[in-house]
PDB file of N, CA and C in Angstrom:
ATOM      1  N   MET A   1       9.447 -17.791 -20.284  1.00  0.00           N
ATOM      2  CA  MET A   1       8.350 -17.442 -19.399  1.00  0.00           C
ATOM      3  C   MET A   1       8.820 -17.566 -17.957  1.00  0.00           C
ATOM      4  N   ASN A   2       8.429 -16.603 -17.123  1.00  0.00           N
ATOM      5  CA  ASN A   2       8.828 -16.578 -15.725  1.00  0.00           C
ATOM      6  C   ASN A   2       7.770 -17.269 -14.879  1.00  0.00           C
ATOM      7  N   HIS A   3       8.149 -18.346 -14.187  1.00  0.00           N
ATOM      8  CA  HIS A   3       7.209 -19.074 -13.338  1.00  0.00           C
ATOM      9  C   HIS A   3       7.650 -18.993 -11.890  1.00  0.00           C
ATOM     10  N   ILE A   4       6.688 -19.108 -10.995  1.00  0.00           N
ATOM     11  CA  ILE A   4       7.015 -19.157  -9.578  1.00  0.00           C
ATOM     12  C   ILE A   4       7.631 -20.515  -9.297  1.00  0.00           C
ATOM     13  N   ASN A   5       8.733 -20.504  -8.567  1.00  0.00           N
ATOM     14  CA  ASN A   5       9.355 -21.768  -8.220  1.00  0.00           C
ATOM     15  C   ASN A   5       9.357 -21.928  -6.704  1.00  0.00           C
ATOM     16  N   LYS A   6       9.696 -23.127  -6.256  1.00  0.00           N
ATOM     17  CA  LYS A   6       9.669 -23.433  -4.826  1.00  0.00           C
ATOM     18  C   LYS A   6      10.600 -22.521  -4.042  1.00  0.00           C
ATOM     19  N   GLU A   7      11.782 -22.242  -4.567  1.00  0.00           N
ATOM     20  CA  GLU A   7      12.732 -21.394  -3.864  1.00  0.00           C
ATOM     21  C   GLU A   7      12.158 -19.996  -3.623  1.00  0.00           C
ATOM     22  N   GLY A   8      11.497 -19.467  -4.625  1.00  0.00           N
ATOM     23  CA  GLY A   8      10.886 -18.152  -4.480  1.00  0.00           C
ATOM     24  C   GLY A   8       9.727 -18.163  -3.502  1.00  0.00           C
ATOM     25  N   ALA A   9       8.988 -19.255  -3.470  1.00  0.00           N
ATOM     26  CA  ALA A   9       7.825 -19.341  -2.602  1.00  0.00           C
ATOM     27  C   ALA A   9       8.206 -19.447  -1.124  1.00  0.00           C
ATOM     28  N   ILE A  10       9.347 -20.067  -0.831  1.00  0.00           N
ATOM     29  CA  ILE A  10       9.739 -20.248   0.569  1.00  0.00           C
ATOM     30  C   ILE A  10      10.809 -19.258   1.026  1.00  0.00           C
ATOM     31  N   ALA A  11      11.218 -18.361   0.141  1.00  0.00           N
ATOM     32  CA  ALA A  11      12.251 -17.377   0.495  1.00  0.00           C
ATOM     33  C   ALA A  11      11.712 -16.384   1.519  1.00  0.00           C
ATOM     34  N   ASN A  12      12.577 -15.938   2.397  1.00  0.00           N
ATOM     35  CA  ASN A  12      12.194 -14.917   3.380  1.00  0.00           C
ATOM     36  C   ASN A  12      11.979 -13.583   2.677  1.00  0.00           C
ATOM     37  N   SER A  13      11.020 -12.823   3.189  1.00  0.00           N
ATOM     38  CA  SER A  13      10.788 -11.478   2.665  1.00  0.00           C
ATOM     39  C   SER A  13      11.974 -10.594   3.043  1.00  0.00           C
ATOM     40  N   PRO A  14      12.255  -9.588   2.228  1.00  0.00           N
ATOM     41  CA  PRO A  14      13.347  -8.668   2.575  1.00  0.00           C
ATOM     42  C   PRO A  14      13.056  -7.989   3.915  1.00  0.00           C
ATOM     43  N   GLU A  15      14.087  -7.846   4.724  1.00  0.00           N
ATOM     44  CA  GLU A  15      13.915  -7.203   6.023  1.00  0.00           C
ATOM     45  C   GLU A  15      14.106  -5.696   5.897  1.00  0.00           C
ATOM     46  N   ILE A  16      13.418  -4.997   6.770  1.00  0.00           N
ATOM     47  CA  ILE A  16      13.500  -3.543   6.787  1.00  0.00           C
ATOM     48  C   ILE A  16      14.856  -3.134   7.370  1.00  0.00           C
ATOM     49  N   SER A  17      15.425  -2.058   6.867  1.00  0.00           N
ATOM     50  CA  SER A  17      16.744  -1.625   7.338  1.00  0.00           C
ATOM     51  C   SER A  17      16.629  -0.834   8.644  1.00  0.00           C
ATOM     52  N   GLN A  18      17.722  -0.760   9.353  1.00  0.00           N
ATOM     53  CA  GLN A  18      17.773   0.000  10.600  1.00  0.00           C
ATOM     54  C   GLN A  18      17.564   1.489  10.324  1.00  0.00           C
ATOM     55  N   ASN A  19      17.983   1.942   9.152  1.00  0.00           N
ATOM     56  CA  ASN A  19      17.801   3.343   8.762  1.00  0.00           C
ATOM     57  C   ASN A  19      16.320   3.715   8.764  1.00  0.00           C
ATOM     58  N   TRP A  20      15.453   2.810   8.344  1.00  0.00           N
ATOM     59  CA  TRP A  20      14.002   3.032   8.344  1.00  0.00           C
ATOM     60  C   TRP A  20      13.464   2.984   9.770  1.00  0.00           C
ATOM     61  N   VAL A  21      13.895   1.997  10.524  1.00  0.00           N
ATOM     62  CA  VAL A  21      13.378   1.768  11.872  1.00  0.00           C
ATOM     63  C   VAL A  21      13.634   2.950  12.800  1.00  0.00           C
ATOM     64  N   VAL A  22      14.789   3.573  12.690  1.00  0.00           N
ATOM     65  CA  VAL A  22      15.149   4.653  13.628  1.00  0.00           C
ATOM     66  C   VAL A  22      14.429   5.969  13.328  1.00  0.00           C
ATOM     67  N   LYS A  23      13.814   6.086  12.169  1.00  0.00           N
ATOM     68  CA  LYS A  23      13.073   7.309  11.836  1.00  0.00           C
ATOM     69  C   LYS A  23      11.771   7.354  12.639  1.00  0.00           C
ATOM     70  N   SER A  24      11.301   8.551  12.910  1.00  0.00           N
ATOM     71  CA  SER A  24      10.003   8.695  13.580  1.00  0.00           C
ATOM     72  C   SER A  24       8.898   8.360  12.583  1.00  0.00           C
ATOM     73  N   LYS A  25       7.728   8.090  13.110  1.00  0.00           N
ATOM     74  CA  LYS A  25       6.584   7.784  12.241  1.00  0.00           C
ATOM     75  C   LYS A  25       6.326   8.934  11.267  1.00  0.00           C
ATOM     76  N   GLU A  26       6.395  10.149  11.758  1.00  0.00           N
ATOM     77  CA  GLU A  26       6.177  11.322  10.909  1.00  0.00           C
ATOM     78  C   GLU A  26       7.228  11.408   9.801  1.00  0.00           C
ATOM     79  N   GLU A  27       8.480  11.141  10.139  1.00  0.00           N
ATOM     80  CA  GLU A  27       9.544  11.171   9.132  1.00  0.00           C
ATOM     81  C   GLU A  27       9.306  10.106   8.058  1.00  0.00           C
ATOM     82  N   ARG A  28       8.884   8.923   8.481  1.00  0.00           N
ATOM     83  CA  ARG A  28       8.621   7.850   7.511  1.00  0.00           C
ATOM     84  C   ARG A  28       7.459   8.217   6.599  1.00  0.00           C
ATOM     85  N   ILE A  29       6.384   8.768   7.182  1.00  0.00           N
ATOM     86  CA  ILE A  29       5.222   9.178   6.375  1.00  0.00           C
ATOM     87  C   ILE A  29       5.645  10.244   5.362  1.00  0.00           C
ATOM     88  N   ASN A  30       6.378  11.252   5.818  1.00  0.00           N
ATOM     89  CA  ASN A  30       6.819  12.330   4.927  1.00  0.00           C
ATOM     90  C   ASN A  30       7.724  11.810   3.819  1.00  0.00           C
ATOM     91  N   LEU A  31       8.621  10.898   4.150  1.00  0.00           N
ATOM     92  CA  LEU A  31       9.533  10.323   3.163  1.00  0.00           C
ATOM     93  C   LEU A  31       8.767   9.608   2.050  1.00  0.00           C
ATOM     94  N   VAL A  32       7.795   8.800   2.443  1.00  0.00           N
ATOM     95  CA  VAL A  32       7.003   8.059   1.445  1.00  0.00           C
ATOM     96  C   VAL A  32       6.126   9.016   0.650  1.00  0.00           C
ATOM     97  N   GLN A  33       5.489   9.985   1.324  1.00  0.00           N
ATOM     98  CA  GLN A  33       4.622  10.930   0.621  1.00  0.00           C
ATOM     99  C   GLN A  33       5.410  11.749  -0.394  1.00  0.00           C
ATOM    100  N   GLU A  34       6.622  12.161  -0.040  1.00  0.00           N
ATOM    101  CA  GLU A  34       7.469  12.901  -0.979  1.00  0.00           C
ATOM    102  C   GLU A  34       7.782  12.053  -2.211  1.00  0.00           C
ATOM    103  N   GLU A  35       8.038  10.778  -2.007  1.00  0.00           N
ATOM    104  CA  GLU A  35       8.323   9.890  -3.140  1.00  0.00           C
ATOM    105  C   GLU A  35       7.081   9.739  -4.016  1.00  0.00           C
ATOM    106  N   LEU A  36       5.913   9.596  -3.409  1.00  0.00           N
ATOM    107  CA  LEU A  36       4.668   9.494  -4.182  1.00  0.00           C
ATOM    108  C   LEU A  36       4.437  10.754  -5.009  1.00  0.00           C
ATOM    109  N   ASN A  37       4.773  11.903  -4.445  1.00  0.00           N
ATOM    110  CA  ASN A  37       4.558  13.175  -5.143  1.00  0.00           C
ATOM    111  C   ASN A  37       5.427  13.330  -6.380  1.00  0.00           C
ATOM    112  N   ASN A  38       6.443  12.490  -6.524  1.00  0.00           N
ATOM    113  CA  ASN A  38       7.304  12.532  -7.711  1.00  0.00           C
ATOM    114  C   ASN A  38       6.659  11.877  -8.931  1.00  0.00           C
ATOM    115  N   TYR A  39       5.522  11.204  -8.734  1.00  0.00           N
ATOM    116  CA  TYR A  39       4.873  10.462  -9.815  1.00  0.00           C
ATOM    117  C   TYR A  39       3.437  10.929  -9.982  1.00  0.00           C
ATOM    118  N   LYS A  40       3.101  11.337 -11.189  1.00  0.00           N
ATOM    119  CA  LYS A  40       1.756  11.843 -11.487  1.00  0.00           C
ATOM    120  C   LYS A  40       0.673  10.818 -11.156  1.00  0.00           C
ATOM    121  N   GLU A  41       0.924   9.533 -11.457  1.00  0.00           N
ATOM    122  CA  GLU A  41      -0.099   8.506 -11.256  1.00  0.00           C
ATOM    123  C   GLU A  41      -0.405   8.243  -9.781  1.00  0.00           C
ATOM    124  N   TYR A  42       0.445   8.738  -8.870  1.00  0.00           N
ATOM    125  CA  TYR A  42       0.208   8.531  -7.437  1.00  0.00           C
ATOM    126  C   TYR A  42      -0.179   9.813  -6.707  1.00  0.00           C
ATOM    127  N   ASN A  43      -0.573  10.855  -7.450  1.00  0.00           N
ATOM    128  CA  ASN A  43      -0.931  12.132  -6.840  1.00  0.00           C
ATOM    129  C   ASN A  43      -2.123  12.041  -5.892  1.00  0.00           C
ATOM    130  N   ASP A  44      -3.008  11.091  -6.119  1.00  0.00           N
ATOM    131  CA  ASP A  44      -4.200  10.937  -5.279  1.00  0.00           C
ATOM    132  C   ASP A  44      -3.995   9.937  -4.153  1.00  0.00           C
ATOM    133  N   PHE A  45      -2.758   9.527  -3.902  1.00  0.00           N
ATOM    134  CA  PHE A  45      -2.453   8.576  -2.844  1.00  0.00           C
ATOM    135  C   PHE A  45      -1.983   9.352  -1.617  1.00  0.00           C
ATOM    136  N   VAL A  46      -2.525   9.018  -0.468  1.00  0.00           N
ATOM    137  CA  VAL A  46      -2.148   9.662   0.784  1.00  0.00           C
ATOM    138  C   VAL A  46      -1.638   8.591   1.738  1.00  0.00           C
ATOM    139  N   VAL A  47      -0.483   8.839   2.319  1.00  0.00           N
ATOM    140  CA  VAL A  47       0.090   7.907   3.292  1.00  0.00           C
ATOM    141  C   VAL A  47      -0.584   8.158   4.634  1.00  0.00           C
ATOM    142  N   THR A  48      -1.246   7.134   5.177  1.00  0.00           N
ATOM    143  CA  THR A  48      -1.907   7.276   6.477  1.00  0.00           C
ATOM    144  C   THR A  48      -1.080   6.668   7.604  1.00  0.00           C
ATOM    145  N   GLU A  49      -0.277   5.664   7.292  1.00  0.00           N
ATOM    146  CA  GLU A  49       0.575   5.006   8.289  1.00  0.00           C
ATOM    147  C   GLU A  49       1.894   4.619   7.632  1.00  0.00           C
ATOM    148  N   ALA A  50       2.944   4.617   8.420  1.00  0.00           N
ATOM    149  CA  ALA A  50       4.251   4.134   7.975  1.00  0.00           C
ATOM    150  C   ALA A  50       4.914   3.529   9.209  1.00  0.00           C
ATOM    151  N   GLU A  51       4.697   2.245   9.381  1.00  0.00           N
ATOM    152  CA  GLU A  51       5.144   1.556  10.589  1.00  0.00           C
ATOM    153  C   GLU A  51       6.622   1.204  10.535  1.00  0.00           C
ATOM    154  N   ALA A  52       7.210   1.000  11.690  1.00  0.00           N
ATOM    155  CA  ALA A  52       8.622   0.638  11.785  1.00  0.00           C
ATOM    156  C   ALA A  52       8.903  -0.713  11.133  1.00  0.00           C
ATOM    157  N   ASN A  53       7.883  -1.576  11.033  1.00  0.00           N
ATOM    158  CA  ASN A  53       8.069  -2.888  10.411  1.00  0.00           C
ATOM    159  C   ASN A  53       8.016  -2.833   8.886  1.00  0.00           C
ATOM    160  N   GLY A  54       7.865  -1.628   8.311  1.00  0.00           N
ATOM    161  CA  GLY A  54       7.881  -1.455   6.863  1.00  0.00           C
ATOM    162  C   GLY A  54       6.516  -1.427   6.202  1.00  0.00           C
ATOM    163  N   GLN A  55       5.459  -1.625   6.981  1.00  0.00           N
ATOM    164  CA  GLN A  55       4.118  -1.595   6.397  1.00  0.00           C
ATOM    165  C   GLN A  55       3.659  -0.155   6.196  1.00  0.00           C
ATOM    166  N   ILE A  56       3.358   0.159   4.936  1.00  0.00           N
ATOM    167  CA  ILE A  56       2.871   1.480   4.538  1.00  0.00           C
ATOM    168  C   ILE A  56       1.386   1.324   4.237  1.00  0.00           C
ATOM    169  N   THR A  57       0.550   2.157   4.849  1.00  0.00           N
ATOM    170  CA  THR A  57      -0.881   2.119   4.577  1.00  0.00           C
ATOM    171  C   THR A  57      -1.253   3.379   3.806  1.00  0.00           C
ATOM    172  N   LEU A  58      -1.963   3.165   2.695  1.00  0.00           N
ATOM    173  CA  LEU A  58      -2.327   4.264   1.799  1.00  0.00           C
ATOM    174  C   LEU A  58      -3.833   4.401   1.692  1.00  0.00           C
ATOM    175  N   LEU A  59      -4.267   5.615   1.447  1.00  0.00           N
ATOM    176  CA  LEU A  59      -5.647   5.921   1.115  1.00  0.00           C
ATOM    177  C   LEU A  59      -5.631   6.479  -0.299  1.00  0.00           C
ATOM    178  N   ILE A  60      -6.474   5.939  -1.167  1.00  0.00           N
ATOM    179  CA  ILE A  60      -6.550   6.440  -2.537  1.00  0.00           C
ATOM    180  C   ILE A  60      -7.785   7.321  -2.639  1.00  0.00           C
ATOM    181  N   GLU A  61      -7.585   8.572  -3.023  1.00  0.00           N
ATOM    182  CA  GLU A  61      -8.666   9.551  -3.042  1.00  0.00           C
ATOM    183  C   GLU A  61      -9.392   9.631  -4.380  1.00  0.00           C
ATOM    184  N   ARG A  62      -9.299   8.605  -5.167  1.00  0.00           N
ATOM    185  CA  ARG A  62     -10.072   8.512  -6.409  1.00  0.00           C
ATOM    186  C   ARG A  62     -10.418   7.051  -6.631  1.00  0.00           C
ATOM    187  N   SER A  63     -11.372   6.827  -7.483  1.00  0.00           N
ATOM    188  CA  SER A  63     -11.793   5.463  -7.770  1.00  0.00           C
ATOM    189  C   SER A  63     -10.904   4.857  -8.857  1.00  0.00           C
ATOM    190  N   ILE A  64     -10.351   3.678  -8.563  1.00  0.00           N
ATOM    191  CA  ILE A  64      -9.521   2.957  -9.523  1.00  0.00           C
ATOM    192  C   ILE A  64     -10.077   1.544  -9.614  1.00  0.00           C
ATOM    193  N   SER A  65     -10.326   1.069 -10.815  1.00  0.00           N
ATOM    194  CA  SER A  65     -10.887  -0.271 -10.971  1.00  0.00           C
ATOM    195  C   SER A  65      -9.932  -1.316 -10.390  1.00  0.00           C
ATOM    196  N   ALA A  66     -10.495  -2.393  -9.888  1.00  0.00           N
ATOM    197  CA  ALA A  66      -9.711  -3.445  -9.242  1.00  0.00           C
ATOM    198  C   ALA A  66      -8.678  -4.036 -10.194  1.00  0.00           C
ATOM    199  N   SER A  67      -9.019  -4.133 -11.472  1.00  0.00           N
ATOM    200  CA  SER A  67      -8.090  -4.727 -12.439  1.00  0.00           C
ATOM    201  C   SER A  67      -6.836  -3.880 -12.634  1.00  0.00           C
ATOM    202  N   ILE A  68      -6.949  -2.586 -12.467  1.00  0.00           N
ATOM    203  CA  ILE A  68      -5.811  -1.677 -12.606  1.00  0.00           C
ATOM    204  C   ILE A  68      -5.121  -1.465 -11.265  1.00  0.00           C
ATOM    205  N   ARG A  69      -5.912  -1.393 -10.205  1.00  0.00           N
ATOM    206  CA  ARG A  69      -5.394  -1.080  -8.875  1.00  0.00           C
ATOM    207  C   ARG A  69      -4.332  -2.080  -8.401  1.00  0.00           C
ATOM    208  N   GLY A  70      -4.563  -3.362  -8.597  1.00  0.00           N
ATOM    209  CA  GLY A  70      -3.620  -4.379  -8.140  1.00  0.00           C
ATOM    210  C   GLY A  70      -2.237  -4.211  -8.745  1.00  0.00           C
ATOM    211  N   THR A  71      -2.185  -4.074 -10.046  1.00  0.00           N
ATOM    212  CA  THR A  71      -0.907  -3.890 -10.742  1.00  0.00           C
ATOM    213  C   THR A  71      -0.262  -2.569 -10.349  1.00  0.00           C
ATOM    214  N   MET A  72      -1.072  -1.546 -10.210  1.00  0.00           N
ATOM    215  CA  MET A  72      -0.565  -0.224  -9.841  1.00  0.00           C
ATOM    216  C   MET A  72       0.094  -0.272  -8.456  1.00  0.00           C
ATOM    217  N   LEU A  73      -0.525  -0.971  -7.518  1.00  0.00           N
ATOM    218  CA  LEU A  73       0.030  -1.066  -6.169  1.00  0.00           C
ATOM    219  C   LEU A  73       1.311  -1.897  -6.142  1.00  0.00           C
ATOM    220  N   LEU A  74       1.362  -2.951  -6.938  1.00  0.00           N
ATOM    221  CA  LEU A  74       2.595  -3.741  -7.028  1.00  0.00           C
ATOM    222  C   LEU A  74       3.729  -2.902  -7.611  1.00  0.00           C
ATOM    223  N   ASP A  75       3.411  -2.123  -8.642  1.00  0.00           N
ATOM    224  CA  ASP A  75       4.419  -1.232  -9.232  1.00  0.00           C
ATOM    225  C   ASP A  75       4.884  -0.190  -8.209  1.00  0.00           C
ATOM    226  N   LEU A  76       3.931   0.379  -7.473  1.00  0.00           N
ATOM    227  CA  LEU A  76       4.272   1.365  -6.455  1.00  0.00           C
ATOM    228  C   LEU A  76       5.144   0.748  -5.368  1.00  0.00           C
ATOM    229  N   GLU A  77       4.801  -0.442  -4.934  1.00  0.00           N
ATOM    230  CA  GLU A  77       5.612  -1.100  -3.908  1.00  0.00           C
ATOM    231  C   GLU A  77       7.052  -1.285  -4.388  1.00  0.00           C
ATOM    232  N   GLN A  78       7.215  -1.656  -5.648  1.00  0.00           N
ATOM    233  CA  GLN A  78       8.561  -1.822  -6.189  1.00  0.00           C
ATOM    234  C   GLN A  78       9.312  -0.497  -6.242  1.00  0.00           C
ATOM    235  N   VAL A  79       8.624   0.574  -6.610  1.00  0.00           N
ATOM    236  CA  VAL A  79       9.234   1.910  -6.621  1.00  0.00           C
ATOM    237  C   VAL A  79       9.736   2.264  -5.227  1.00  0.00           C
ATOM    238  N   LEU A  80       8.890   2.032  -4.209  1.00  0.00           N
ATOM    239  CA  LEU A  80       9.274   2.360  -2.831  1.00  0.00           C
ATOM    240  C   LEU A  80      10.408   1.476  -2.327  1.00  0.00           C
ATOM    241  N   LYS A  81      10.400   0.206  -2.709  1.00  0.00           N
ATOM    242  CA  LYS A  81      11.487  -0.698  -2.326  1.00  0.00           C
ATOM    243  C   LYS A  81      12.810  -0.232  -2.934  1.00  0.00           C
ATOM    244  N   ASN A  82      12.771   0.202  -4.184  1.00  0.00           N
ATOM    245  CA  ASN A  82      13.985   0.642  -4.871  1.00  0.00           C
ATOM    246  C   ASN A  82      14.488   1.996  -4.378  1.00  0.00           C
ATOM    247  N   SER A  83      13.576   2.885  -4.016  1.00  0.00           N
ATOM    248  CA  SER A  83      13.986   4.246  -3.673  1.00  0.00           C
ATOM    249  C   SER A  83      14.147   4.498  -2.182  1.00  0.00           C
ATOM    250  N   ILE A  84      13.419   3.750  -1.337  1.00  0.00           N
ATOM    251  CA  ILE A  84      13.450   4.037   0.099  1.00  0.00           C
ATOM    252  C   ILE A  84      14.030   2.874   0.902  1.00  0.00           C
ATOM    253  N   ASP A  85      13.374   1.709   0.838  1.00  0.00           N
ATOM    254  CA  ASP A  85      13.835   0.557   1.617  1.00  0.00           C
ATOM    255  C   ASP A  85      13.261  -0.724   1.034  1.00  0.00           C
ATOM    256  N   LYS A  86      14.106  -1.731   0.902  1.00  0.00           N
ATOM    257  CA  LYS A  86      13.686  -2.986   0.263  1.00  0.00           C
ATOM    258  C   LYS A  86      12.665  -3.778   1.072  1.00  0.00           C
ATOM    259  N   GLY A  87      12.484  -3.454   2.359  1.00  0.00           N
ATOM    260  CA  GLY A  87      11.556  -4.195   3.207  1.00  0.00           C
ATOM    261  C   GLY A  87      10.153  -3.626   3.262  1.00  0.00           C
ATOM    262  N   ILE A  88       9.874  -2.580   2.515  1.00  0.00           N
ATOM    263  CA  ILE A  88       8.556  -1.928   2.534  1.00  0.00           C
ATOM    264  C   ILE A  88       7.494  -2.816   1.896  1.00  0.00           C
ATOM    265  N   THR A  89       6.311  -2.824   2.518  1.00  0.00           N
ATOM    266  CA  THR A  89       5.129  -3.460   1.924  1.00  0.00           C
ATOM    267  C   THR A  89       3.997  -2.437   1.923  1.00  0.00           C
ATOM    268  N   VAL A  90       3.155  -2.493   0.907  1.00  0.00           N
ATOM    269  CA  VAL A  90       2.092  -1.507   0.725  1.00  0.00           C
ATOM    270  C   VAL A  90       0.735  -2.148   1.023  1.00  0.00           C
ATOM    271  N   TRP A  91      -0.075  -1.431   1.788  1.00  0.00           N
ATOM    272  CA  TRP A  91      -1.434  -1.849   2.146  1.00  0.00           C
ATOM    273  C   TRP A  91      -2.376  -0.690   1.879  1.00  0.00           C
ATOM    274  N   LEU A  92      -3.649  -1.000   1.661  1.00  0.00           N
ATOM    275  CA  LEU A  92      -4.664   0.037   1.462  1.00  0.00           C
ATOM    276  C   LEU A  92      -5.567   0.134   2.680  1.00  0.00           C
ATOM    277  N   VAL A  93      -6.059   1.348   2.961  1.00  0.00           N
ATOM    278  CA  VAL A  93      -7.065   1.545   3.998  1.00  0.00           C
ATOM    279  C   VAL A  93      -8.333   0.846   3.525  1.00  0.00           C
ATOM    280  N   PRO A  94      -8.938  -0.006   4.355  1.00  0.00           N
ATOM    281  CA  PRO A  94     -10.189  -0.661   3.939  1.00  0.00           C
ATOM    282  C   PRO A  94     -11.283   0.380   3.720  1.00  0.00           C
ATOM    283  N   VAL A  95     -12.049   0.186   2.670  1.00  0.00           N
ATOM    284  CA  VAL A  95     -13.124   1.111   2.320  1.00  0.00           C
ATOM    285  C   VAL A  95     -14.452   0.381   2.461  1.00  0.00           C
ATOM    286  N   GLY A  96     -15.443   1.068   2.983  1.00  0.00           N
ATOM    287  CA  GLY A  96     -16.768   0.476   3.165  1.00  0.00           C
ATOM    288  C   GLY A  96     -17.479   0.231   1.839  1.00  0.00           C
ATOM    289  N   ASP A  97     -18.633  -0.372   1.926  1.00  0.00           N
ATOM    290  CA  ASP A  97     -19.447  -0.705   0.760  1.00  0.00           C
ATOM    291  C   ASP A  97     -19.986   0.585   0.140  1.00  0.00           C
ATOM    292  N   LYS A  98     -19.691   0.800  -1.142  1.00  0.00           N
ATOM    293  CA  LYS A  98     -20.117   2.021  -1.824  1.00  0.00           C
ATOM    294  C   LYS A  98     -21.318   1.797  -2.752  1.00  0.00           C
ATOM    295  N   SER A  99     -21.937   0.613  -2.685  1.00  0.00           N
ATOM    296  CA  SER A  99     -23.054   0.316  -3.573  1.00  0.00           C
ATOM    297  C   SER A  99     -24.260   1.184  -3.222  1.00  0.00           C
ATOM    298  N   LYS A 100     -24.667   2.025  -4.149  1.00  0.00           N
ATOM    299  CA  LYS A 100     -25.821   2.897  -3.925  1.00  0.00           C
ATOM    300  C   LYS A 100     -27.108   2.079  -3.823  1.00  0.00           C
ATOM    301  N   LEU A 101     -27.199   0.999  -4.589  1.00  0.00           N
ATOM    302  CA  LEU A 101     -28.408   0.176  -4.536  1.00  0.00           C
ATOM    303  C   LEU A 101     -28.584  -0.481  -3.174  1.00  0.00           C
ATOM    304  N   ARG A 102     -27.528  -1.085  -2.648  1.00  0.00           N
ATOM    305  CA  ARG A 102     -27.643  -1.717  -1.323  1.00  0.00           C
ATOM    306  C   ARG A 102     -27.930  -0.673  -0.259  1.00  0.00           C
ATOM    307  N   ASN A 103     -27.322   0.500  -0.378  1.00  0.00           N
ATOM    308  CA  ASN A 103     -27.562   1.550   0.604  1.00  0.00           C
ATOM    309  C   ASN A 103     -29.000   2.051   0.540  1.00  0.00           C
ATOM    310  N   LEU A 104     -29.604   2.121  -0.658  1.00  0.00           N
ATOM    311  CA  LEU A 104     -30.995   2.556  -0.802  1.00  0.00           C
ATOM    312  C   LEU A 104     -31.955   1.556  -0.166  1.00  0.00           C
ATOM    313  N   ARG A 105     -31.633   0.274  -0.237  1.00  0.00           N
ATOM    314  CA  ARG A 105     -32.507  -0.754   0.330  1.00  0.00           C
ATOM    315  C   ARG A 105     -32.304  -0.891   1.834  1.00  0.00           C
ATOM    316  N   GLY A 106     -31.365  -0.156   2.384  1.00  0.00           N
ATOM    317  CA  GLY A 106     -31.138  -0.213   3.815  1.00  0.00           C
ATOM    318  C   GLY A 106     -30.311  -1.392   4.272  1.00  0.00           C
ATOM    319  N   ILE A 107     -29.661  -2.073   3.321  1.00  0.00           N
ATOM    320  CA  ILE A 107     -28.819  -3.214   3.668  1.00  0.00           C
ATOM    321  C   ILE A 107     -27.466  -2.698   4.117  1.00  0.00           C
ATOM    322  N   GLN A 108     -27.043  -3.155   5.269  1.00  0.00           N
ATOM    323  CA  GLN A 108     -25.739  -2.767   5.777  1.00  0.00           C
ATOM    324  C   GLN A 108     -24.927  -4.027   6.050  1.00  0.00           C
ATOM    325  N   ILE A 109     -23.682  -4.009   5.668  1.00  0.00           N
ATOM    326  CA  ILE A 109     -22.784  -5.125   5.936  1.00  0.00           C
ATOM    327  C   ILE A 109     -21.920  -4.721   7.110  1.00  0.00           C
ATOM    328  N   LYS A 110     -22.057  -5.467   8.212  1.00  0.00           N
ATOM    329  CA  LYS A 110     -21.312  -5.141   9.423  1.00  0.00           C
ATOM    330  C   LYS A 110     -20.077  -6.039   9.514  1.00  0.00           C
ATOM    331  N   PRO A 111     -18.962  -5.475   9.938  1.00  0.00           N
ATOM    332  CA  PRO A 111     -17.757  -6.290  10.098  1.00  0.00           C
ATOM    333  C   PRO A 111     -17.937  -7.268  11.259  1.00  0.00           C
ATOM    334  N   GLU A 112     -17.238  -8.406  11.160  1.00  0.00           N
ATOM    335  CA  GLU A 112     -17.289  -9.390  12.235  1.00  0.00           C
ATOM    336  C   GLU A 112     -16.560  -8.849  13.442  1.00  0.00           C
ATOM    337  N   LYS A 113     -17.017  -9.268  14.608  1.00  0.00           N
ATOM    338  CA  LYS A 113     -16.377  -8.823  15.857  1.00  0.00           C
ATOM    339  C   LYS A 113     -15.422  -9.862  16.358  1.00  0.00           C
TER     340      LYS A 113
END
């Protein structure tokens, strides 16, 4: 059985390569989007940001349950680390409250300022 150990918990995250950093934002977005297009399960994923620090922000254009989404994103991050750059991290665009019941009652959840 594989357990988290102290060495793994305190290890530094992989750093982004200079090859990634020197690319323009558009080039980085296109590179990641092309890689996503190679996989059927990521066809509904759109790259919205690709920062020089390796943070990739995605928008998912379909509903995926939370129990599946987490594992799917971890798998995707590993694919991108293996194919593009080991320092990449994947983030999702925050989505507002989609509850039809709360919206019907006029309840709105406002973000903190």
